[in-house]
Amino acid sequence: MLRESVKAHLIPPETHFRWRSGEITRLESFTDAVFAFAVTLLVVSLEVPRTFSELAATMKGFVAFGVCFAILTWVWFHHYLFSRRFGLQTVHAISLNALLLFVVLFYVYPLKFLFTLFVGEITATVPRQTLDAMITQAQVPQLFVVYCLGYIAVFVILGLLNLHAYRLRETLGLDDYETLATRHSVLTHFGYALVGVLAMLAALLLPRQLTGVAGLVFFLNAVVGWGLGATFRRRAQRILAQRAAPAVATAA
């Protein structure tokens, strides 16, 4: 009993969504290992600096590393939430999970390269001649397209994973609130993917000197998250209110 109580405090489930996954599965362990390896590939330098100059040069890359780390953590959390909520071990779920890991590993180097350039440009921590040697103006749209394709793939796969769970809602025994939350996850992930499509189109259609402006399109993620979140909260409140009404009537 004590062990179960401690576990409940260490990993608190969602208030109104019953987590159907039990112990950590081999699939989740494998996924965590792959994400950990992906983070390792982001490390600024695998060698310990031997001089202060080397340390200073390494520290300049920490901002880009932090941004990339935050993005990978964001993706990992979405996958973690899916795994804990549903605990699916179907062939379809395993196949999509494997595809997600493949994309994440491929996604690491374009992610690191892009944000090294971006952070180096806006903070002036990377010399101009180094930036010019890393990429030409004509190659910037191509880099942005590669990044967008990886971004789109990640959120399409996450959307498909949640869509798979939504289709199995009766088998999983999802109640009204859980069904609504799952549908919200599907729409949110596909919405993020759509933002990636818009950003990619902007990079392809805008003049080369304005390609960087396409990055601003990703701020639409905030609009997608806020809009879908507001709709979800209104509907969720109605469901929870209806659920509470019989209990109030009974108590009266």
Protein backbone atom coordinates (compact mmCIF):
# COMPACT_ATOMS: atom_id res chain seq x y z
CA MET A 1 0.00 0.00 0.00
CA LEU A 2 2.81 2.40 0.91
CA ARG A 3 4.59 1.67 -2.37
CA GLU A 4 1.43 2.42 -4.38
CA SER A 5 0.89 5.64 -2.41
CA VAL A 6 4.45 6.80 -3.10
CA LYS A 7 4.08 6.00 -6.81
CA ALA A 8 0.84 7.99 -6.95
CA HIS A 9 2.61 11.03 -5.54
CA LEU A 10 5.64 10.66 -7.82
CA ILE A 11 3.60 10.35 -11.01
CA PRO A 12 0.22 12.01 -10.45
CA PRO A 13 -2.34 11.13 -13.13
CA GLU A 14 -4.63 13.67 -14.73
CA THR A 15 -7.60 14.66 -12.62
CA HIS A 16 -10.31 13.56 -15.04
CA PHE A 17 -8.42 11.21 -17.37
CA ARG A 18 -7.70 7.69 -16.14
CA TRP A 19 -4.25 6.54 -17.18
CA ARG A 20 -4.55 3.07 -18.64
CA SER A 21 -0.84 2.31 -18.82
CA GLY A 22 0.61 0.35 -15.92
CA GLU A 23 4.31 -0.39 -15.51
CA ILE A 24 6.78 1.14 -17.96
CA THR A 25 6.72 -1.04 -21.08
CA ARG A 26 9.67 -2.07 -23.25
CA LEU A 27 8.29 0.23 -25.96
CA GLU A 28 8.35 3.24 -23.62
CA SER A 29 11.82 2.32 -22.37
CA PHE A 30 13.09 2.06 -25.94
CA THR A 31 11.47 5.38 -26.82
CA ASP A 32 13.05 7.12 -23.82
CA ALA A 33 16.45 5.67 -24.77
CA VAL A 34 16.14 7.01 -28.32
CA PHE A 35 15.14 10.47 -27.08
CA ALA A 36 18.10 10.41 -24.68
CA PHE A 37 20.41 9.51 -27.56
CA ALA A 38 18.92 12.34 -29.64
CA VAL A 39 19.69 14.79 -26.82
CA THR A 40 23.24 13.45 -26.71
CA LEU A 41 23.61 14.31 -30.39
CA LEU A 42 22.64 17.89 -29.54
CA VAL A 43 25.46 18.35 -27.04
CA VAL A 44 27.67 21.27 -27.99
CA SER A 45 30.88 19.30 -27.49
CA LEU A 46 31.56 15.78 -26.26
CA GLU A 47 35.02 16.76 -25.07
CA VAL A 48 35.74 18.65 -21.85
CA PRO A 49 37.27 22.06 -22.69
CA ARG A 50 41.02 22.12 -21.99
CA THR A 51 41.42 25.90 -22.03
CA PHE A 52 39.27 28.87 -21.06
CA SER A 53 39.06 29.89 -24.73
CA GLU A 54 37.60 26.48 -25.57
CA LEU A 55 35.18 26.81 -22.64
CA ALA A 56 34.06 30.25 -23.84
CA ALA A 57 33.54 28.92 -27.37
CA THR A 58 31.50 26.02 -25.98
CA MET A 59 29.36 28.29 -23.82
CA LYS A 60 28.35 30.28 -26.90
CA GLY A 61 26.52 27.22 -28.19
CA PHE A 62 24.47 26.66 -25.05
CA VAL A 63 21.57 28.90 -26.11
CA ALA A 64 21.04 26.95 -29.32
CA PHE A 65 21.38 23.71 -27.36
CA GLY A 66 18.77 24.93 -24.87
CA VAL A 67 16.27 25.73 -27.63
CA CYS A 68 16.77 22.35 -29.29
CA PHE A 69 16.53 20.58 -25.93
CA ALA A 70 13.23 22.36 -25.18
CA ILE A 71 11.78 21.32 -28.57
CA LEU A 72 12.75 17.66 -28.09
CA THR A 73 11.35 17.72 -24.54
CA TRP A 74 8.09 19.14 -25.91
CA VAL A 75 7.82 16.26 -28.40
CA TRP A 76 8.80 13.71 -25.74
CA PHE A 77 6.12 15.01 -23.35
CA HIS A 78 3.38 14.63 -25.97
CA HIS A 79 4.48 11.04 -26.54
CA TYR A 80 4.72 10.41 -22.77
CA LEU A 81 1.17 11.68 -22.26
CA PHE A 82 -0.13 9.46 -25.06
CA SER A 83 1.66 6.40 -23.61
CA ARG A 84 0.40 6.98 -20.07
CA ARG A 85 -3.16 7.69 -21.14
CA PHE A 86 -3.72 4.69 -23.37
CA GLY A 87 -0.93 2.13 -22.93
CA LEU A 88 -1.54 0.85 -26.45
CA GLN A 89 0.65 -2.02 -27.67
CA THR A 90 -1.08 -2.67 -31.00
CA VAL A 91 0.87 -3.26 -34.20
CA HIS A 92 -0.41 0.06 -35.53
CA ALA A 93 0.74 1.97 -32.44
CA ILE A 94 4.16 0.26 -32.42
CA SER A 95 4.65 1.01 -36.13
CA LEU A 96 3.80 4.68 -35.68
CA ASN A 97 6.03 4.83 -32.61
CA ALA A 98 8.97 3.40 -34.57
CA LEU A 99 8.35 5.90 -37.36
CA LEU A 100 8.31 8.75 -34.82
CA LEU A 101 11.67 7.67 -33.41
CA PHE A 102 13.14 7.43 -36.91
CA VAL A 103 12.01 10.97 -37.69
CA VAL A 104 13.27 12.32 -34.34
CA LEU A 105 16.75 10.93 -34.94
CA PHE A 106 16.84 12.34 -38.47
CA TYR A 107 15.36 15.61 -37.18
CA VAL A 108 18.20 16.22 -34.70
CA TYR A 109 20.89 17.47 -37.07
CA PRO A 110 18.71 19.88 -39.11
CA LEU A 111 17.30 21.12 -35.79
CA LYS A 112 20.75 21.76 -34.33
CA PHE A 113 22.11 23.28 -37.54
CA LEU A 114 19.16 25.65 -37.96
CA PHE A 115 19.18 26.98 -34.41
CA THR A 116 22.97 27.29 -34.34
CA LEU A 117 22.63 29.59 -37.34
CA PHE A 118 19.61 31.42 -35.94
CA VAL A 119 21.02 32.02 -32.46
CA GLY A 120 24.44 32.89 -33.89
CA GLU A 121 22.79 35.45 -36.16
CA ILE A 122 20.69 37.24 -33.56
CA THR A 123 23.24 37.14 -30.72
CA ALA A 124 26.35 37.74 -32.86
CA THR A 125 28.11 34.93 -30.97
CA VAL A 126 29.18 33.34 -34.26
CA PRO A 127 31.44 35.41 -36.55
CA ARG A 128 29.84 36.55 -39.80
CA GLN A 129 32.47 34.78 -41.88
CA THR A 130 31.71 31.52 -40.07
CA LEU A 131 27.98 31.90 -40.74
CA ASP A 132 28.66 32.66 -44.41
CA ALA A 133 30.83 29.56 -44.64
CA MET A 134 28.13 27.40 -43.06
CA ILE A 135 25.40 28.25 -45.58
CA THR A 136 24.71 30.46 -48.57
CA GLN A 137 21.65 32.65 -49.00
CA ALA A 138 20.40 30.34 -51.76
CA GLN A 139 20.53 27.33 -49.40
CA VAL A 140 18.51 28.92 -46.59
CA PRO A 141 15.08 28.01 -48.07
CA GLN A 142 16.25 24.40 -48.54
CA LEU A 143 17.34 24.20 -44.90
CA PHE A 144 14.02 25.62 -43.75
CA VAL A 145 12.10 23.11 -45.88
CA VAL A 146 14.10 20.22 -44.39
CA TYR A 147 13.34 21.47 -40.89
CA CYS A 148 9.64 21.95 -41.68
CA LEU A 149 9.33 18.46 -43.15
CA GLY A 150 10.72 16.94 -39.96
CA TYR A 151 8.48 19.14 -37.81
CA ILE A 152 5.39 18.25 -39.87
CA ALA A 153 6.19 14.54 -39.76
CA VAL A 154 6.57 14.53 -35.97
CA PHE A 155 3.19 16.13 -35.31
CA VAL A 156 1.37 14.19 -38.01
CA ILE A 157 2.59 10.96 -36.38
CA LEU A 158 1.56 12.16 -32.92
CA GLY A 159 -1.83 13.08 -34.38
CA LEU A 160 -2.17 9.65 -35.95
CA LEU A 161 -1.27 7.95 -32.66
CA ASN A 162 -4.02 9.84 -30.85
CA LEU A 163 -6.42 9.22 -33.73
CA HIS A 164 -5.72 5.50 -33.35
CA ALA A 165 -6.62 5.75 -29.66
CA TYR A 166 -9.75 7.75 -30.52
CA ARG A 167 -10.91 5.03 -32.91
CA LEU A 168 -10.43 2.49 -30.11
CA ARG A 169 -12.32 4.64 -27.60
CA GLU A 170 -14.99 2.01 -26.97
CA THR A 171 -12.41 -0.75 -26.52
CA LEU A 172 -10.41 1.48 -24.17
CA GLY A 173 -13.57 2.45 -22.31
CA LEU A 174 -13.12 6.21 -22.70
CA ASP A 175 -15.84 8.28 -21.07
CA ASP A 176 -17.21 11.53 -22.52
CA TYR A 177 -14.47 13.72 -21.03
CA GLU A 178 -11.68 11.36 -22.10
CA THR A 179 -13.11 11.10 -25.60
CA LEU A 180 -13.23 14.90 -25.83
CA ALA A 181 -9.65 15.21 -24.55
CA THR A 182 -8.44 12.63 -27.08
CA ARG A 183 -10.19 14.41 -29.93
CA HIS A 184 -8.62 17.67 -28.72
CA SER A 185 -5.17 16.05 -28.85
CA VAL A 186 -5.79 14.86 -32.42
CA LEU A 187 -6.86 18.32 -33.60
CA THR A 188 -4.01 20.06 -31.74
CA HIS A 189 -1.30 17.87 -33.26
CA PHE A 190 -2.71 18.17 -36.76
CA GLY A 191 -3.06 21.92 -36.18
CA TYR A 192 0.64 22.17 -35.29
CA ALA A 193 1.47 20.17 -38.41
CA LEU A 194 -0.61 22.58 -40.51
CA VAL A 195 1.41 25.48 -39.10
CA GLY A 196 4.53 23.68 -40.31
CA VAL A 197 3.02 23.38 -43.79
CA LEU A 198 2.27 27.12 -43.84
CA ALA A 199 5.83 27.92 -42.69
CA MET A 200 7.28 25.69 -45.41
CA LEU A 201 5.13 27.34 -48.08
CA ALA A 202 6.25 30.76 -46.83
CA ALA A 203 9.90 29.70 -47.10
CA LEU A 204 9.34 28.45 -50.65
CA LEU A 205 7.28 31.41 -51.90
CA LEU A 206 8.91 34.38 -50.20
CA PRO A 207 11.98 36.04 -51.77
CA ARG A 208 15.23 34.50 -50.55
CA GLN A 209 16.16 37.54 -48.49
CA LEU A 210 12.87 37.20 -46.57
CA THR A 211 13.07 33.45 -45.91
CA GLY A 212 13.82 34.07 -42.24
CA VAL A 213 10.44 35.76 -41.88
CA ALA A 214 8.83 32.37 -42.50
CA GLY A 215 9.98 31.39 -39.02
CA LEU A 216 7.48 33.84 -37.58
CA VAL A 217 4.72 31.60 -38.92
CA PHE A 218 5.48 29.19 -36.07
CA PHE A 219 4.02 31.73 -33.64
CA LEU A 220 0.67 30.54 -35.01
CA ASN A 221 1.19 27.50 -32.76
CA ALA A 222 0.18 29.76 -29.88
CA VAL A 223 -3.01 30.69 -31.73
CA VAL A 224 -3.78 27.03 -32.49
CA GLY A 225 -3.10 25.98 -28.90
CA TRP A 226 -5.13 28.83 -27.41
CA GLY A 227 -8.09 28.49 -29.78
CA LEU A 228 -8.46 24.71 -29.52
CA GLY A 229 -7.70 24.86 -25.79
CA ALA A 230 -10.44 27.42 -25.16
CA THR A 231 -12.97 25.30 -27.07
CA PHE A 232 -11.91 22.17 -25.19
CA ARG A 233 -12.20 23.86 -21.80
CA ARG A 234 -15.74 25.12 -22.50
CA ARG A 235 -16.94 21.69 -23.59
CA ALA A 236 -15.07 19.95 -20.78
CA GLN A 237 -16.71 22.22 -18.20
CA ARG A 238 -20.15 21.28 -19.53
CA ILE A 239 -19.33 17.57 -19.36
CA LEU A 240 -17.97 17.85 -15.81
CA ALA A 241 -20.97 19.96 -14.76
CA GLN A 242 -23.37 17.33 -16.13
CA ARG A 243 -21.39 14.64 -14.35
CA ALA A 244 -21.61 16.54 -11.05
CA ALA A 245 -25.32 17.35 -11.32
CA PRO A 246 -26.65 13.87 -10.34
CA ALA A 247 -24.31 13.78 -7.33
CA VAL A 248 -25.62 17.16 -6.16
CA ALA A 249 -29.22 16.05 -6.66
CA THR A 250 -28.60 12.84 -4.74
CA ALA A 251 -26.96 14.71 -1.87
CA ALA A 252 -29.93 17.09 -1.71
